[in-house]
Amino acid sequence: MDPLKTIGEVAALFNISRSTAYRLKKSDSWPCHLFGTEIRFSAEDVAAIQAKYAQTPAPDRRAPRIGTRANRRNQK
């Protein structure tokens, strides 16, 4: 069984401050386990948080063909 992580360890994992982690936990309802006043995160909780904020890559943007009509007019 994987050990449970503290909010400080999760904050370091996501490269954010502890206060930001507390704020995101409260506002975005991160999955966690409460033991009295202690907050702990399992490996599944961390994976769920990562999946929540995973970004899909942006589609490839093709450069517009600027000036092709003007070039055709000048070739006549």
N, C-alpha and C. Protein backbone atom coordinates (compact mmCIF):
# COMPACT_ATOMS: atom_id res chain seq x y z
N MET A 1 0.83 -1.18 0.00
CA MET A 1 0.00 0.00 0.00
C MET A 1 0.88 1.24 0.00
N ASP A 2 0.56 2.19 -0.86
CA ASP A 2 1.31 3.43 -0.93
C ASP A 2 1.00 4.30 0.29
N PRO A 3 2.02 4.97 0.81
CA PRO A 3 1.74 5.86 1.94
C PRO A 3 0.92 7.06 1.49
N LEU A 4 0.13 7.58 2.39
CA LEU A 4 -0.68 8.75 2.10
C LEU A 4 0.19 10.00 2.13
N LYS A 5 -0.10 10.93 1.24
CA LYS A 5 0.68 12.16 1.15
C LYS A 5 -0.01 13.29 1.89
N THR A 6 0.80 14.18 2.48
CA THR A 6 0.25 15.36 3.14
C THR A 6 -0.02 16.43 2.09
N ILE A 7 -0.70 17.48 2.49
CA ILE A 7 -1.00 18.54 1.53
C ILE A 7 0.28 19.27 1.12
N GLY A 8 1.27 19.31 2.00
CA GLY A 8 2.56 19.91 1.65
C GLY A 8 3.28 19.11 0.58
N GLU A 9 3.21 17.78 0.68
CA GLU A 9 3.85 16.92 -0.34
C GLU A 9 3.13 17.03 -1.68
N VAL A 10 1.80 17.13 -1.64
CA VAL A 10 1.04 17.28 -2.89
C VAL A 10 1.33 18.64 -3.51
N ALA A 11 1.44 19.67 -2.68
CA ALA A 11 1.76 21.01 -3.19
C ALA A 11 3.14 21.00 -3.86
N ALA A 12 4.11 20.32 -3.25
CA ALA A 12 5.45 20.23 -3.85
C ALA A 12 5.41 19.44 -5.15
N LEU A 13 4.56 18.42 -5.20
CA LEU A 13 4.43 17.61 -6.40
C LEU A 13 3.90 18.43 -7.58
N PHE A 14 2.94 19.31 -7.29
CA PHE A 14 2.35 20.15 -8.35
C PHE A 14 3.05 21.49 -8.50
N ASN A 15 4.09 21.71 -7.70
CA ASN A 15 4.90 22.93 -7.77
C ASN A 15 4.05 24.17 -7.48
N ILE A 16 3.24 24.09 -6.42
CA ILE A 16 2.43 25.22 -5.97
C ILE A 16 2.67 25.39 -4.48
N SER A 17 2.24 26.52 -3.92
CA SER A 17 2.42 26.74 -2.49
C SER A 17 1.37 25.97 -1.71
N ARG A 18 1.63 25.80 -0.42
CA ARG A 18 0.67 25.09 0.43
C ARG A 18 -0.65 25.84 0.52
N SER A 19 -0.57 27.17 0.60
CA SER A 19 -1.81 27.94 0.70
C SER A 19 -2.64 27.81 -0.57
N THR A 20 -1.99 27.74 -1.72
CA THR A 20 -2.71 27.53 -2.97
C THR A 20 -3.33 26.14 -2.99
N ALA A 21 -2.62 25.15 -2.48
CA ALA A 21 -3.17 23.79 -2.42
C ALA A 21 -4.39 23.74 -1.52
N TYR A 22 -4.34 24.42 -0.37
CA TYR A 22 -5.50 24.47 0.51
C TYR A 22 -6.68 25.14 -0.18
N ARG A 23 -6.40 26.25 -0.89
CA ARG A 23 -7.46 26.98 -1.59
C ARG A 23 -8.08 26.14 -2.69
N LEU A 24 -7.25 25.44 -3.48
CA LEU A 24 -7.77 24.60 -4.55
C LEU A 24 -8.53 23.41 -4.00
N LYS A 25 -8.07 22.86 -2.88
CA LYS A 25 -8.78 21.74 -2.25
C LYS A 25 -10.17 22.17 -1.82
N LYS A 26 -10.25 23.36 -1.29
CA LYS A 26 -11.55 23.86 -0.81
C LYS A 26 -12.47 24.25 -1.96
N SER A 27 -11.97 24.98 -2.93
CA SER A 27 -12.84 25.49 -4.00
C SER A 27 -13.12 24.46 -5.08
N ASP A 28 -12.15 23.63 -5.43
CA ASP A 28 -12.33 22.65 -6.52
C ASP A 28 -12.68 21.27 -6.00
N SER A 29 -12.87 21.15 -4.71
CA SER A 29 -13.23 19.89 -4.05
C SER A 29 -12.34 18.73 -4.51
N TRP A 30 -11.05 18.87 -4.22
CA TRP A 30 -10.10 17.79 -4.50
C TRP A 30 -10.48 16.56 -3.69
N PRO A 31 -10.31 15.37 -4.24
CA PRO A 31 -10.57 14.17 -3.45
C PRO A 31 -9.46 14.00 -2.41
N CYS A 32 -9.85 13.74 -1.18
CA CYS A 32 -8.87 13.56 -0.11
C CYS A 32 -9.50 12.74 1.00
N HIS A 33 -8.67 12.39 1.98
CA HIS A 33 -9.12 11.65 3.15
C HIS A 33 -8.88 12.52 4.37
N LEU A 34 -9.88 12.65 5.21
CA LEU A 34 -9.74 13.43 6.43
C LEU A 34 -9.64 12.49 7.62
N PHE A 35 -8.59 12.69 8.42
CA PHE A 35 -8.40 11.95 9.66
C PHE A 35 -8.41 12.99 10.78
N GLY A 36 -9.59 13.26 11.30
CA GLY A 36 -9.71 14.34 12.27
C GLY A 36 -9.51 15.65 11.55
N THR A 37 -8.45 16.37 11.88
CA THR A 37 -8.15 17.62 11.20
C THR A 37 -7.04 17.45 10.16
N GLU A 38 -6.50 16.26 10.04
CA GLU A 38 -5.41 16.01 9.10
C GLU A 38 -5.97 15.68 7.72
N ILE A 39 -5.35 16.22 6.70
CA ILE A 39 -5.75 15.98 5.31
C ILE A 39 -4.68 15.12 4.67
N ARG A 40 -5.09 14.03 4.06
CA ARG A 40 -4.15 13.12 3.39
C ARG A 40 -4.69 12.78 2.01
N PHE A 41 -3.76 12.51 1.08
CA PHE A 41 -4.10 12.17 -0.29
C PHE A 41 -3.50 10.81 -0.64
N SER A 42 -4.32 9.93 -1.20
CA SER A 42 -3.82 8.63 -1.65
C SER A 42 -3.28 8.79 -3.07
N ALA A 43 -2.66 7.75 -3.59
CA ALA A 43 -2.14 7.79 -4.96
C ALA A 43 -3.28 7.98 -5.96
N GLU A 44 -4.43 7.37 -5.68
CA GLU A 44 -5.59 7.52 -6.57
C GLU A 44 -6.12 8.97 -6.54
N ASP A 45 -6.08 9.61 -5.36
CA ASP A 45 -6.50 11.00 -5.26
C ASP A 45 -5.60 11.91 -6.10
N VAL A 46 -4.30 11.68 -6.01
CA VAL A 46 -3.34 12.49 -6.77
C VAL A 46 -3.54 12.27 -8.27
N ALA A 47 -3.78 11.03 -8.68
CA ALA A 47 -4.03 10.75 -10.10
C ALA A 47 -5.31 11.43 -10.57
N ALA A 48 -6.34 11.47 -9.73
CA ALA A 48 -7.59 12.13 -10.10
C ALA A 48 -7.40 13.64 -10.24
N ILE A 49 -6.59 14.22 -9.37
CA ILE A 49 -6.30 15.66 -9.46
C ILE A 49 -5.52 15.95 -10.73
N GLN A 50 -4.53 15.11 -11.05
CA GLN A 50 -3.76 15.31 -12.28
C GLN A 50 -4.65 15.19 -13.50
N ALA A 51 -5.58 14.24 -13.49
CA ALA A 51 -6.48 14.07 -14.63
C ALA A 51 -7.42 15.26 -14.76
N LYS A 52 -7.79 15.85 -13.65
CA LYS A 52 -8.71 16.99 -13.68
C LYS A 52 -8.07 18.19 -14.36
N TYR A 53 -6.78 18.38 -14.17
CA TYR A 53 -6.09 19.53 -14.73
C TYR A 53 -5.26 19.20 -15.95
N ALA A 54 -5.37 18.01 -16.48
CA ALA A 54 -4.61 17.64 -17.68
C ALA A 54 -5.14 18.44 -18.86
N GLN A 55 -4.24 18.96 -19.64
CA GLN A 55 -4.63 19.75 -20.80
C GLN A 55 -4.36 18.94 -22.06
N THR A 56 -5.31 18.97 -22.96
CA THR A 56 -5.10 18.31 -24.23
C THR A 56 -4.27 19.24 -25.11
N PRO A 57 -3.40 18.71 -25.92
CA PRO A 57 -2.57 19.57 -26.77
C PRO A 57 -3.44 20.33 -27.77
N ALA A 58 -3.05 21.54 -28.03
CA ALA A 58 -3.79 22.37 -28.97
C ALA A 58 -3.64 21.79 -30.38
N PRO A 59 -4.68 21.88 -31.19
CA PRO A 59 -4.56 21.37 -32.56
C PRO A 59 -3.56 22.20 -33.36
N ASP A 60 -2.92 21.55 -34.31
CA ASP A 60 -1.95 22.26 -35.16
C ASP A 60 -2.67 23.33 -35.96
N ARG A 61 -2.11 24.51 -35.92
CA ARG A 61 -2.69 25.60 -36.69
C ARG A 61 -1.89 25.78 -37.96
N ARG A 62 -2.56 25.80 -39.04
CA ARG A 62 -1.88 26.02 -40.31
C ARG A 62 -1.81 27.51 -40.58
N ALA A 63 -0.72 27.94 -41.13
CA ALA A 63 -0.55 29.35 -41.44
C ALA A 63 -1.47 29.71 -42.60
N PRO A 64 -2.15 30.83 -42.51
CA PRO A 64 -3.03 31.23 -43.61
C PRO A 64 -2.22 31.59 -44.84
N ARG A 65 -2.80 31.37 -45.96
CA ARG A 65 -2.13 31.71 -47.23
C ARG A 65 -2.47 33.15 -47.55
N ILE A 66 -1.61 34.02 -47.14
CA ILE A 66 -1.85 35.45 -47.34
C ILE A 66 -1.20 35.88 -48.65
N GLY A 67 -1.96 36.58 -49.44
CA GLY A 67 -1.42 37.16 -50.65
C GLY A 67 -1.47 36.27 -51.87
N THR A 68 -2.06 35.11 -51.84
CA THR A 68 -2.06 34.24 -53.01
C THR A 68 -2.92 34.81 -54.12
N ARG A 69 -4.03 35.44 -53.77
CA ARG A 69 -4.88 36.04 -54.81
C ARG A 69 -4.18 37.20 -55.48
N ALA A 70 -3.53 38.02 -54.69
CA ALA A 70 -2.83 39.17 -55.25
C ALA A 70 -1.70 38.71 -56.15
N ASN A 71 -1.04 37.63 -55.79
CA ASN A 71 0.06 37.13 -56.62
C ASN A 71 -0.47 36.60 -57.95
N ARG A 72 -1.63 35.98 -57.94
CA ARG A 72 -2.20 35.47 -59.20
C ARG A 72 -2.59 36.60 -60.14
N ARG A 73 -3.08 37.68 -59.59
CA ARG A 73 -3.47 38.83 -60.43
C ARG A 73 -2.24 39.43 -61.12
N ASN A 74 -1.12 39.46 -60.42
CA ASN A 74 0.06 40.09 -60.98
C ASN A 74 0.76 39.19 -62.01
N GLN A 75 0.44 37.89 -62.03
CA GLN A 75 1.11 36.99 -62.95
C GLN A 75 0.52 37.03 -64.34
N LYS A 76 -0.60 37.62 -64.54
CA LYS A 76 -1.24 37.65 -65.87
C LYS A 76 -0.54 38.53 -66.84
